[in-house]
């Protein structure tokens, strides 16, 4: 019986990642990776049951963080979280897999990846007001079994309003926190969020 109900997810080969320049932690050079990773010649859909246990592939995961003024959205993953290995962890990232539903929804002006990002955010959060977004970088963490089969693409959403509510029962305790407050919660955060906070600190220091 399929654990993920025959869900098919977008992957690249680990070999491609190594060729482009594998790293540990965060890379703030998305232009070095994304054109090749999102080229249909270099990616494919793989049954998630297989992908979750196959480190020869990397699942591409949009990881969106949300900024209002000088604070960032933080939440806790509920016990019913889709990724059981991350349940009850603090997080600043909203994201999920790109699947073949996103591919079916694609059109000339909306590619598969963009559809996936928008779908995940619409499912998990209710945003009030407008926003802008940019891609900050990529996250890789081969130190644990979750990270070994995933590769994160970090999107920063700059919000016009801090009126944000949860769209799912598994996203709880939403609050906007400063970088200093997030750093104080370091040990409570999931690994990708720890890496994001470090990357944000680096970006803000360099500005």
N, C-alpha and C. Protein backbone atom coordinates (compact mmCIF):
# COMPACT_ATOMS: atom_id res chain seq x y z
N UNK A 1 0.85 -1.20 0.00
CA UNK A 1 0.00 0.00 0.00
C UNK A 1 0.88 1.25 0.00
N UNK A 2 0.56 2.21 -0.86
CA UNK A 2 1.38 3.41 -0.99
C UNK A 2 1.17 4.33 0.20
N UNK A 3 2.26 4.74 0.83
CA UNK A 3 2.18 5.66 1.97
C UNK A 3 1.71 7.03 1.54
N UNK A 4 2.03 7.42 0.30
CA UNK A 4 1.71 8.76 -0.18
C UNK A 4 0.67 8.76 -1.29
N UNK A 5 -0.14 7.70 -1.37
CA UNK A 5 -1.26 7.62 -2.29
C UNK A 5 -0.83 7.90 -3.73
N UNK A 6 0.26 7.30 -4.11
CA UNK A 6 0.76 7.40 -5.50
C UNK A 6 1.07 8.83 -5.93
N UNK A 7 1.46 9.67 -4.98
CA UNK A 7 1.87 11.04 -5.30
C UNK A 7 3.20 11.00 -6.05
N UNK A 8 3.30 11.79 -7.10
CA UNK A 8 4.53 11.90 -7.88
C UNK A 8 5.13 13.28 -7.67
N UNK A 9 6.42 13.35 -7.35
CA UNK A 9 7.05 14.62 -6.98
C UNK A 9 8.22 14.94 -7.91
N UNK A 10 8.48 16.24 -8.03
CA UNK A 10 9.55 16.71 -8.92
C UNK A 10 10.91 16.48 -8.28
N UNK A 11 11.81 15.85 -9.03
CA UNK A 11 13.16 15.56 -8.51
C UNK A 11 14.21 15.90 -9.56
N UNK A 12 15.42 16.14 -9.06
CA UNK A 12 16.60 16.14 -9.90
C UNK A 12 17.52 15.04 -9.39
N UNK A 13 18.48 14.67 -10.18
CA UNK A 13 19.44 13.67 -9.71
C UNK A 13 20.46 14.31 -8.78
N UNK A 14 20.91 13.54 -7.82
CA UNK A 14 21.98 14.01 -6.95
C UNK A 14 23.22 14.33 -7.79
N UNK A 15 23.39 13.58 -8.86
CA UNK A 15 24.55 13.80 -9.73
C UNK A 15 24.52 15.21 -10.31
N UNK A 16 23.34 15.70 -10.73
CA UNK A 16 23.24 17.06 -11.26
C UNK A 16 23.62 18.07 -10.18
N UNK A 17 23.10 17.88 -8.99
CA UNK A 17 23.42 18.79 -7.89
C UNK A 17 24.93 18.83 -7.65
N UNK A 18 25.55 17.68 -7.67
CA UNK A 18 27.01 17.63 -7.49
C UNK A 18 27.73 18.36 -8.62
N UNK A 19 27.25 18.20 -9.85
CA UNK A 19 27.87 18.85 -10.99
C UNK A 19 27.75 20.37 -10.90
N UNK A 20 26.62 20.86 -10.41
CA UNK A 20 26.40 22.30 -10.30
C UNK A 20 27.18 22.91 -9.14
N UNK A 21 27.54 22.06 -8.17
CA UNK A 21 28.31 22.53 -7.03
C UNK A 21 27.59 22.27 -5.72
N UNK A 22 27.64 21.03 -5.26
CA UNK A 22 26.97 20.67 -4.00
C UNK A 22 27.54 21.50 -2.85
N UNK A 23 26.70 21.83 -1.90
CA UNK A 23 27.10 22.61 -0.73
C UNK A 23 26.32 22.10 0.47
N UNK A 24 26.74 22.52 1.63
CA UNK A 24 26.04 22.20 2.87
C UNK A 24 25.63 23.51 3.53
N UNK A 25 24.35 23.59 3.89
CA UNK A 25 23.84 24.82 4.50
C UNK A 25 23.06 25.63 3.49
N UNK A 26 23.39 26.90 3.35
CA UNK A 26 22.66 27.77 2.42
C UNK A 26 23.59 28.35 1.37
N UNK A 27 23.11 28.40 0.14
CA UNK A 27 23.79 29.11 -0.94
C UNK A 27 22.95 30.31 -1.30
N UNK A 28 23.56 31.48 -1.36
CA UNK A 28 22.84 32.69 -1.72
C UNK A 28 23.06 33.05 -3.19
N UNK A 29 23.31 32.01 -4.00
CA UNK A 29 23.51 32.17 -5.44
C UNK A 29 22.50 31.32 -6.21
N UNK A 30 21.21 31.64 -6.14
CA UNK A 30 20.22 30.79 -6.82
C UNK A 30 20.40 30.72 -8.33
N UNK A 31 20.94 31.78 -8.91
CA UNK A 31 21.15 31.77 -10.35
C UNK A 31 22.14 30.73 -10.83
N UNK A 32 22.96 30.25 -9.93
CA UNK A 32 23.93 29.21 -10.27
C UNK A 32 23.26 27.85 -10.45
N UNK A 33 22.08 27.68 -9.83
CA UNK A 33 21.45 26.35 -9.78
C UNK A 33 20.10 26.27 -10.50
N UNK A 34 19.23 27.26 -10.30
CA UNK A 34 17.85 27.10 -10.74
C UNK A 34 17.66 26.94 -12.24
N UNK A 35 18.38 27.66 -13.11
CA UNK A 35 18.14 27.46 -14.54
C UNK A 35 18.31 26.00 -14.97
N UNK A 36 19.34 25.34 -14.45
CA UNK A 36 19.56 23.94 -14.80
C UNK A 36 18.57 23.01 -14.10
N UNK A 37 18.28 23.28 -12.83
CA UNK A 37 17.39 22.41 -12.06
C UNK A 37 15.97 22.43 -12.60
N UNK A 38 15.50 23.60 -13.07
CA UNK A 38 14.13 23.72 -13.55
C UNK A 38 14.00 23.48 -15.05
N UNK A 39 15.09 23.16 -15.70
CA UNK A 39 15.05 22.77 -17.12
C UNK A 39 14.40 21.39 -17.21
N UNK A 40 13.30 21.24 -17.96
CA UNK A 40 12.63 19.94 -18.04
C UNK A 40 13.53 18.80 -18.48
N UNK A 41 14.64 19.13 -19.15
CA UNK A 41 15.57 18.08 -19.56
C UNK A 41 16.32 17.49 -18.37
N UNK A 42 16.32 18.21 -17.24
CA UNK A 42 17.12 17.79 -16.09
C UNK A 42 16.30 17.37 -14.87
N UNK A 43 14.98 17.37 -15.01
CA UNK A 43 14.17 16.93 -13.87
C UNK A 43 13.07 16.00 -14.35
N UNK A 44 12.41 15.35 -13.39
CA UNK A 44 11.31 14.44 -13.73
C UNK A 44 10.47 14.22 -12.49
N UNK A 45 9.31 13.60 -12.70
CA UNK A 45 8.46 13.23 -11.59
C UNK A 45 8.73 11.78 -11.20
N UNK A 46 8.88 11.58 -9.88
CA UNK A 46 9.17 10.26 -9.34
C UNK A 46 8.16 9.96 -8.24
N UNK A 47 7.73 8.71 -8.16
CA UNK A 47 6.79 8.33 -7.11
C UNK A 47 7.38 8.68 -5.75
N UNK A 48 6.61 9.39 -4.94
CA UNK A 48 7.16 9.88 -3.67
C UNK A 48 7.59 8.75 -2.74
N UNK A 49 6.88 7.64 -2.76
CA UNK A 49 7.29 6.50 -1.94
C UNK A 49 8.74 6.12 -2.21
N UNK A 50 9.14 6.20 -3.48
CA UNK A 50 10.52 5.88 -3.85
C UNK A 50 11.46 7.03 -3.52
N UNK A 51 11.03 8.25 -3.81
CA UNK A 51 11.91 9.41 -3.64
C UNK A 51 12.30 9.64 -2.19
N UNK A 52 11.38 9.36 -1.26
CA UNK A 52 11.66 9.63 0.16
C UNK A 52 12.78 8.76 0.72
N UNK A 53 13.07 7.65 0.06
CA UNK A 53 14.10 6.74 0.55
C UNK A 53 15.25 6.58 -0.43
N UNK A 54 15.39 7.54 -1.35
CA UNK A 54 16.40 7.40 -2.42
C UNK A 54 17.28 8.65 -2.48
N UNK A 55 18.41 8.66 -1.77
CA UNK A 55 19.29 9.83 -1.77
C UNK A 55 20.03 10.06 -3.09
N UNK A 56 19.79 9.22 -4.08
CA UNK A 56 20.37 9.50 -5.40
C UNK A 56 19.54 10.55 -6.15
N UNK A 57 18.42 10.95 -5.55
CA UNK A 57 17.60 12.03 -6.09
C UNK A 57 17.37 13.08 -5.01
N UNK A 58 17.15 14.31 -5.45
CA UNK A 58 16.78 15.41 -4.57
C UNK A 58 15.40 15.92 -4.97
N UNK A 59 14.46 15.93 -4.02
CA UNK A 59 13.14 16.50 -4.26
C UNK A 59 13.23 18.02 -4.12
N UNK A 60 12.69 18.74 -5.09
CA UNK A 60 12.76 20.20 -5.10
C UNK A 60 11.62 20.75 -4.26
N UNK A 61 11.96 21.49 -3.19
CA UNK A 61 10.97 21.98 -2.25
C UNK A 61 11.03 23.51 -2.15
N UNK A 62 10.02 24.23 -2.66
CA UNK A 62 9.95 25.67 -2.37
C UNK A 62 9.77 25.87 -0.87
N UNK A 63 10.52 26.79 -0.30
CA UNK A 63 10.49 27.05 1.15
C UNK A 63 10.31 28.55 1.32
N UNK A 64 9.06 28.97 1.56
CA UNK A 64 8.73 30.39 1.57
C UNK A 64 8.77 30.94 2.99
N UNK A 65 9.47 32.06 3.16
CA UNK A 65 9.50 32.75 4.45
C UNK A 65 8.84 34.12 4.26
N UNK A 66 8.26 34.65 5.33
CA UNK A 66 7.39 35.82 5.24
C UNK A 66 7.87 36.91 6.18
N UNK A 67 8.13 38.08 5.62
CA UNK A 67 8.66 39.21 6.38
C UNK A 67 7.65 40.34 6.41
N UNK A 68 7.42 40.90 7.59
CA UNK A 68 6.66 42.13 7.73
C UNK A 68 7.51 43.09 8.55
N UNK A 69 7.88 44.22 7.92
CA UNK A 69 8.79 45.18 8.53
C UNK A 69 10.08 44.44 8.94
N UNK A 70 10.42 44.43 10.22
CA UNK A 70 11.69 43.79 10.61
C UNK A 70 11.47 42.44 11.29
N UNK A 71 10.29 41.82 11.05
CA UNK A 71 9.99 40.56 11.71
C UNK A 71 9.62 39.48 10.69
N UNK A 72 9.78 38.22 11.09
CA UNK A 72 9.54 37.08 10.22
C UNK A 72 8.52 36.14 10.85
N UNK A 73 7.67 35.57 10.01
CA UNK A 73 6.62 34.69 10.50
C UNK A 73 7.21 33.39 11.04
N UNK A 74 6.81 33.03 12.25
CA UNK A 74 7.21 31.79 12.90
C UNK A 74 5.96 31.02 13.28
N UNK A 75 6.02 29.70 13.15
CA UNK A 75 4.89 28.87 13.57
C UNK A 75 5.42 27.54 14.09
N UNK A 76 4.53 26.73 14.62
CA UNK A 76 4.89 25.39 15.09
C UNK A 76 4.13 24.37 14.26
N UNK A 77 4.82 23.33 13.85
CA UNK A 77 4.17 22.26 13.09
C UNK A 77 3.41 21.35 14.05
N UNK A 78 2.11 21.20 13.81
CA UNK A 78 1.29 20.35 14.67
C UNK A 78 1.64 18.88 14.51
N UNK A 79 1.12 18.07 15.42
CA UNK A 79 1.43 16.64 15.42
C UNK A 79 0.95 15.90 14.20
N UNK A 80 -0.01 16.50 13.47
CA UNK A 80 -0.51 15.86 12.26
C UNK A 80 0.22 16.31 11.01
N UNK A 81 1.37 16.92 11.18
CA UNK A 81 2.14 17.43 10.05
C UNK A 81 2.38 16.35 9.01
N UNK A 82 2.29 16.75 7.72
CA UNK A 82 2.49 15.78 6.64
C UNK A 82 3.85 15.12 6.71
N UNK A 83 4.86 15.85 7.07
CA UNK A 83 6.20 15.29 7.25
C UNK A 83 6.37 14.95 8.73
N UNK A 84 6.09 13.69 9.08
CA UNK A 84 6.07 13.27 10.49
C UNK A 84 7.40 13.53 11.18
N UNK A 85 8.49 13.51 10.42
CA UNK A 85 9.81 13.69 11.02
C UNK A 85 10.04 15.12 11.50
N UNK A 86 9.13 16.05 11.12
CA UNK A 86 9.27 17.45 11.51
C UNK A 86 8.19 17.91 12.48
N UNK A 87 7.30 17.00 12.88
CA UNK A 87 6.18 17.38 13.75
C UNK A 87 6.67 18.00 15.05
N UNK A 88 5.95 19.04 15.51
CA UNK A 88 6.20 19.75 16.77
C UNK A 88 7.44 20.65 16.72
N UNK A 89 8.06 20.79 15.58
CA UNK A 89 9.21 21.68 15.45
C UNK A 89 8.75 23.10 15.12
N UNK A 90 9.52 24.10 15.56
CA UNK A 90 9.30 25.46 15.14
C UNK A 90 9.80 25.65 13.72
N UNK A 91 9.16 26.55 12.97
CA UNK A 91 9.55 26.74 11.58
C UNK A 91 9.28 28.18 11.15
N UNK A 92 10.06 28.65 10.19
CA UNK A 92 9.75 29.93 9.53
C UNK A 92 9.44 29.70 8.06
N UNK A 93 9.39 28.45 7.62
CA UNK A 93 9.21 28.15 6.20
C UNK A 93 7.89 27.44 5.91
N UNK A 94 7.22 27.89 4.86
CA UNK A 94 6.04 27.22 4.33
C UNK A 94 6.44 26.62 2.99
N UNK A 95 6.20 25.34 2.82
CA UNK A 95 6.59 24.75 1.55
C UNK A 95 6.08 23.34 1.41
N UNK A 96 6.40 22.76 0.29
CA UNK A 96 5.98 21.40 0.02
C UNK A 96 6.46 20.95 -1.34
N UNK A 97 6.09 19.75 -1.69
CA UNK A 97 6.56 19.15 -2.93
C UNK A 97 5.88 19.77 -4.15
N UNK A 98 6.60 19.77 -5.26
CA UNK A 98 6.03 20.07 -6.56
C UNK A 98 5.59 18.74 -7.15
N UNK A 99 4.32 18.62 -7.49
CA UNK A 99 3.86 17.34 -8.00
C UNK A 99 3.23 17.45 -9.37
N UNK A 100 2.77 16.34 -9.91
CA UNK A 100 2.27 16.33 -11.28
C UNK A 100 0.94 17.05 -11.42
N UNK A 101 0.25 17.33 -10.31
CA UNK A 101 -0.94 18.18 -10.38
C UNK A 101 -0.55 19.58 -10.83
N UNK A 102 0.60 20.07 -10.33
CA UNK A 102 1.10 21.38 -10.74
C UNK A 102 1.45 21.40 -12.22
N UNK A 103 1.98 20.28 -12.70
CA UNK A 103 2.32 20.18 -14.12
C UNK A 103 1.07 20.25 -14.97
N UNK A 104 0.01 19.55 -14.54
CA UNK A 104 -1.24 19.54 -15.29
C UNK A 104 -1.87 20.92 -15.32
N UNK A 105 -1.62 21.74 -14.27
CA UNK A 105 -2.22 23.07 -14.19
C UNK A 105 -1.40 24.13 -14.93
N UNK A 106 -0.24 23.77 -15.43
CA UNK A 106 0.64 24.74 -16.06
C UNK A 106 0.06 25.26 -17.37
N UNK A 107 0.39 26.50 -17.70
CA UNK A 107 -0.02 27.09 -18.97
C UNK A 107 1.16 27.89 -19.51
N UNK A 108 0.95 28.62 -20.59
CA UNK A 108 2.05 29.33 -21.21
C UNK A 108 2.67 30.37 -20.28
N UNK A 109 1.87 30.94 -19.38
CA UNK A 109 2.40 32.01 -18.54
C UNK A 109 2.60 31.57 -17.09
N UNK A 110 2.38 30.30 -16.77
CA UNK A 110 2.58 29.81 -15.40
C UNK A 110 3.25 28.45 -15.47
N UNK A 111 4.51 28.39 -15.10
CA UNK A 111 5.21 27.12 -15.21
C UNK A 111 4.92 26.24 -14.00
N UNK A 112 5.35 25.00 -14.10
CA UNK A 112 5.08 24.00 -13.06
C UNK A 112 5.57 24.45 -11.70
N UNK A 113 6.76 24.98 -11.64
CA UNK A 113 7.33 25.37 -10.35
C UNK A 113 6.52 26.49 -9.70
N UNK A 114 6.18 27.52 -10.48
CA UNK A 114 5.41 28.64 -9.94
C UNK A 114 4.06 28.17 -9.44
N UNK A 115 3.40 27.29 -10.18
CA UNK A 115 2.12 26.74 -9.74
C UNK A 115 2.26 26.05 -8.39
N UNK A 116 3.35 25.30 -8.22
CA UNK A 116 3.56 24.57 -6.98
C UNK A 116 3.74 25.49 -5.79
N UNK A 117 4.51 26.56 -5.98
CA UNK A 117 4.73 27.53 -4.91
C UNK A 117 3.41 28.16 -4.49
N UNK A 118 2.64 28.62 -5.47
CA UNK A 118 1.37 29.28 -5.18
C UNK A 118 0.39 28.33 -4.50
N UNK A 119 0.34 27.09 -4.95
CA UNK A 119 -0.58 26.12 -4.36
C UNK A 119 -0.27 25.87 -2.90
N UNK A 120 1.00 25.68 -2.58
CA UNK A 120 1.38 25.40 -1.19
C UNK A 120 1.01 26.55 -0.26
N UNK A 121 1.28 27.77 -0.70
CA UNK A 121 0.98 28.94 0.15
C UNK A 121 -0.52 29.10 0.32
N UNK A 122 -1.28 28.93 -0.78
CA UNK A 122 -2.73 29.07 -0.69
C UNK A 122 -3.34 28.01 0.23
N UNK A 123 -2.75 26.83 0.26
CA UNK A 123 -3.27 25.75 1.11
C UNK A 123 -2.96 25.99 2.58
N UNK A 124 -1.82 26.58 2.87
CA UNK A 124 -1.33 26.59 4.25
C UNK A 124 -1.51 27.92 4.98
N UNK A 125 -1.63 29.04 4.24
CA UNK A 125 -1.76 30.34 4.89
C UNK A 125 -2.86 31.17 4.25
N UNK A 126 -3.44 32.07 5.06
CA UNK A 126 -4.35 33.09 4.55
C UNK A 126 -3.66 34.44 4.71
N UNK A 127 -3.30 35.06 3.59
CA UNK A 127 -2.58 36.33 3.60
C UNK A 127 -3.55 37.48 3.34
N UNK A 128 -3.36 38.58 4.06
CA UNK A 128 -4.15 39.79 3.86
C UNK A 128 -3.24 40.87 3.29
N UNK A 129 -3.68 41.49 2.20
CA UNK A 129 -2.86 42.54 1.61
C UNK A 129 -1.91 41.99 0.56
N UNK A 130 -1.20 42.89 -0.08
CA UNK A 130 -0.30 42.50 -1.14
C UNK A 130 1.07 42.10 -0.62
N UNK A 131 1.92 41.68 -1.55
CA UNK A 131 3.27 41.28 -1.19
C UNK A 131 4.15 41.29 -2.43
N UNK A 132 5.43 41.30 -2.21
CA UNK A 132 6.42 41.06 -3.26
C UNK A 132 7.22 39.84 -2.85
N UNK A 133 7.86 39.21 -3.81
CA UNK A 133 8.67 38.05 -3.46
C UNK A 133 9.94 38.01 -4.29
N UNK A 134 10.94 37.36 -3.73
CA UNK A 134 12.20 37.13 -4.43
C UNK A 134 12.78 35.81 -3.95
N UNK A 135 13.60 35.21 -4.77
CA UNK A 135 14.28 33.97 -4.38
C UNK A 135 15.63 34.35 -3.79
N UNK A 136 15.85 33.95 -2.55
CA UNK A 136 17.09 34.30 -1.85
C UNK A 136 18.21 33.30 -2.09
N UNK A 137 17.88 32.03 -2.16
CA UNK A 137 18.93 31.02 -2.27
C UNK A 137 18.40 29.62 -2.18
N UNK A 138 19.29 28.68 -1.92
CA UNK A 138 18.95 27.27 -1.80
C UNK A 138 19.48 26.73 -0.49
N UNK A 139 18.78 25.70 0.02
CA UNK A 139 19.17 25.04 1.27
C UNK A 139 19.46 23.58 0.99
N UNK A 140 20.56 23.09 1.53
CA UNK A 140 20.86 21.66 1.49
C UNK A 140 21.41 21.24 2.85
N UNK A 141 20.90 20.12 3.35
CA UNK A 141 21.34 19.60 4.64
C UNK A 141 21.40 18.08 4.56
N UNK A 142 22.57 17.54 4.34
CA UNK A 142 22.74 16.10 4.22
C UNK A 142 23.03 15.42 5.56
N UNK A 143 22.83 16.16 6.67
CA UNK A 143 23.17 15.60 7.98
C UNK A 143 22.08 14.70 8.54
N UNK A 144 20.90 14.68 7.92
CA UNK A 144 19.81 13.85 8.43
C UNK A 144 19.03 13.26 7.27
N UNK A 145 18.17 12.28 7.57
CA UNK A 145 17.49 11.53 6.52
C UNK A 145 16.47 12.37 5.75
N UNK A 146 15.91 13.40 6.37
CA UNK A 146 15.00 14.28 5.64
C UNK A 146 15.78 15.11 4.63
N UNK A 147 16.84 15.74 5.09
CA UNK A 147 17.62 16.61 4.23
C UNK A 147 18.31 15.90 3.08
N UNK A 148 18.65 14.64 3.27
CA UNK A 148 19.38 13.90 2.25
C UNK A 148 18.59 13.70 0.97
N UNK A 149 17.27 13.80 1.05
CA UNK A 149 16.45 13.56 -0.13
C UNK A 149 15.67 14.81 -0.57
N UNK A 150 16.01 15.98 0.01
CA UNK A 150 15.33 17.21 -0.34
C UNK A 150 16.33 18.33 -0.61
N UNK A 151 15.92 19.29 -1.43
CA UNK A 151 16.69 20.49 -1.72
C UNK A 151 15.73 21.67 -1.69
N UNK A 152 15.96 22.63 -0.81
CA UNK A 152 15.04 23.74 -0.63
C UNK A 152 15.39 24.94 -1.48
N UNK A 153 14.36 25.61 -1.99
CA UNK A 153 14.52 26.88 -2.70
C UNK A 153 13.84 27.94 -1.85
N UNK A 154 14.62 28.89 -1.32
CA UNK A 154 14.12 29.84 -0.34
C UNK A 154 13.52 31.07 -1.03
N UNK A 155 12.23 31.29 -0.80
CA UNK A 155 11.51 32.46 -1.31
C UNK A 155 11.25 33.40 -0.14
N UNK A 156 11.55 34.67 -0.31
CA UNK A 156 11.22 35.68 0.70
C UNK A 156 10.03 36.48 0.21
N UNK A 157 8.92 36.43 0.98
CA UNK A 157 7.74 37.23 0.72
C UNK A 157 7.75 38.43 1.66
N UNK A 158 7.75 39.63 1.11
CA UNK A 158 7.68 40.85 1.91
C UNK A 158 6.23 41.32 1.90
N UNK A 159 5.61 41.29 3.08
CA UNK A 159 4.17 41.51 3.19
C UNK A 159 3.83 42.97 3.48
N UNK A 160 2.65 43.39 3.02
CA UNK A 160 2.13 44.72 3.34
C UNK A 160 1.35 44.72 4.65
N UNK A 161 0.98 43.53 5.13
CA UNK A 161 0.19 43.42 6.36
C UNK A 161 0.67 42.22 7.17
N UNK A 162 0.58 42.33 8.48
CA UNK A 162 0.94 41.21 9.34
C UNK A 162 -0.29 40.39 9.73
N UNK A 163 -1.40 40.62 9.04
CA UNK A 163 -2.62 39.84 9.30
C UNK A 163 -2.55 38.54 8.50
N UNK A 164 -1.96 37.53 9.13
CA UNK A 164 -1.76 36.22 8.50
C UNK A 164 -2.35 35.17 9.43
N UNK A 165 -3.17 34.29 8.88
CA UNK A 165 -3.74 33.20 9.67
C UNK A 165 -3.45 31.87 9.01
N UNK A 166 -3.59 30.82 9.79
CA UNK A 166 -3.31 29.47 9.31
C UNK A 166 -4.45 28.95 8.44
N UNK A 167 -4.09 28.25 7.38
CA UNK A 167 -5.08 27.59 6.54
C UNK A 167 -5.18 26.11 6.81
N UNK A 168 -4.35 25.60 7.73
CA UNK A 168 -4.34 24.18 8.05
C UNK A 168 -4.23 23.99 9.55
N UNK A 169 -4.81 22.90 10.05
CA UNK A 169 -4.76 22.60 11.48
C UNK A 169 -3.33 22.32 11.95
N UNK A 170 -2.46 21.94 11.04
CA UNK A 170 -1.10 21.56 11.43
C UNK A 170 -0.15 22.74 11.53
N UNK A 171 -0.64 23.95 11.27
CA UNK A 171 0.16 25.17 11.40
C UNK A 171 -0.42 25.97 12.55
N UNK A 172 0.30 26.02 13.66
CA UNK A 172 -0.25 26.63 14.88
C UNK A 172 0.73 27.65 15.47
N UNK A 173 0.21 28.47 16.38
CA UNK A 173 1.02 29.44 17.12
C UNK A 173 1.77 30.41 16.20
N UNK A 174 1.07 30.99 15.24
CA UNK A 174 1.71 31.94 14.34
C UNK A 174 2.04 33.24 15.07
N UNK A 175 3.26 33.73 14.84
CA UNK A 175 3.66 35.03 15.39
C UNK A 175 4.85 35.56 14.58
N UNK A 176 4.96 36.88 14.52
CA UNK A 176 6.09 37.50 13.84
C UNK A 176 7.17 37.80 14.87
N UNK A 177 8.40 37.37 14.56
CA UNK A 177 9.52 37.52 15.48
C UNK A 177 10.70 38.18 14.77
N UNK A 178 11.50 38.90 15.53
CA UNK A 178 12.72 39.48 14.99
C UNK A 178 13.77 38.39 14.80
N UNK A 179 14.82 38.73 14.07
CA UNK A 179 15.92 37.77 13.90
C UNK A 179 16.51 37.39 15.26
N UNK A 180 16.63 38.36 16.14
CA UNK A 180 17.19 38.08 17.46
C UNK A 180 16.32 37.09 18.23
N UNK A 181 15.01 37.25 18.13
CA UNK A 181 14.10 36.33 18.80
C UNK A 181 14.16 34.94 18.17
N UNK A 182 14.31 34.88 16.86
CA UNK A 182 14.44 33.59 16.19
C UNK A 182 15.75 32.90 16.57
N UNK A 183 16.81 33.68 16.66
CA UNK A 183 18.09 33.10 17.06
C UNK A 183 18.02 32.52 18.47
N UNK A 184 17.22 33.14 19.33
CA UNK A 184 17.07 32.62 20.69
C UNK A 184 16.30 31.30 20.70
N UNK A 185 15.54 31.03 19.65
CA UNK A 185 14.78 29.79 19.53
C UNK A 185 15.53 28.74 18.70
N UNK A 186 16.78 28.96 18.44
CA UNK A 186 17.54 28.12 17.51
C UNK A 186 17.32 26.63 17.71
N UNK A 187 17.44 26.15 18.91
CA UNK A 187 17.37 24.72 19.17
C UNK A 187 15.97 24.15 19.01
N UNK A 188 14.96 25.02 18.96
CA UNK A 188 13.58 24.56 18.79
C UNK A 188 13.16 24.51 17.33
N UNK A 189 13.98 25.06 16.45
CA UNK A 189 13.63 25.15 15.03
C UNK A 189 14.04 23.90 14.27
N UNK A 190 13.25 23.58 13.24
CA UNK A 190 13.66 22.54 12.31
C UNK A 190 14.95 23.01 11.62
N UNK A 191 15.71 22.05 11.12
CA UNK A 191 17.05 22.36 10.60
C UNK A 191 17.02 23.40 9.49
N UNK A 192 16.10 23.28 8.55
CA UNK A 192 16.05 24.24 7.44
C UNK A 192 15.81 25.65 7.95
N UNK A 193 14.98 25.80 8.98
CA UNK A 193 14.73 27.13 9.53
C UNK A 193 15.96 27.67 10.23
N UNK A 194 16.70 26.81 10.91
CA UNK A 194 17.96 27.23 11.52
C UNK A 194 18.89 27.78 10.44
N UNK A 195 18.98 27.07 9.33
CA UNK A 195 19.85 27.49 8.22
C UNK A 195 19.36 28.80 7.63
N UNK A 196 18.03 28.96 7.47
CA UNK A 196 17.47 30.20 6.93
C UNK A 196 17.79 31.40 7.81
N UNK A 197 17.64 31.23 9.11
CA UNK A 197 17.93 32.33 10.04
C UNK A 197 19.39 32.75 9.90
N UNK A 198 20.29 31.79 9.78
CA UNK A 198 21.71 32.11 9.60
C UNK A 198 21.92 32.85 8.28
N UNK A 199 21.21 32.42 7.22
CA UNK A 199 21.33 33.10 5.93
C UNK A 199 20.78 34.51 5.97
N UNK A 200 19.65 34.70 6.66
CA UNK A 200 19.07 36.04 6.79
C UNK A 200 20.01 36.96 7.55
N UNK A 201 20.63 36.47 8.59
CA UNK A 201 21.58 37.27 9.34
C UNK A 201 22.73 37.69 8.45
N UNK A 202 23.21 36.79 7.61
CA UNK A 202 24.30 37.10 6.70
C UNK A 202 23.87 38.18 5.71
N UNK A 203 22.66 38.05 5.16
CA UNK A 203 22.16 39.04 4.19
C UNK A 203 22.02 40.42 4.81
N UNK A 204 21.44 40.46 6.00
CA UNK A 204 21.22 41.75 6.66
C UNK A 204 22.55 42.38 7.08
N UNK A 205 23.53 41.57 7.44
CA UNK A 205 24.84 42.09 7.81
C UNK A 205 25.54 42.70 6.61
N UNK A 206 25.31 42.10 5.43
CA UNK A 206 26.00 42.56 4.23
C UNK A 206 25.35 43.80 3.62
N UNK A 207 24.11 44.15 4.07
CA UNK A 207 23.41 45.30 3.49
C UNK A 207 23.76 46.59 4.21
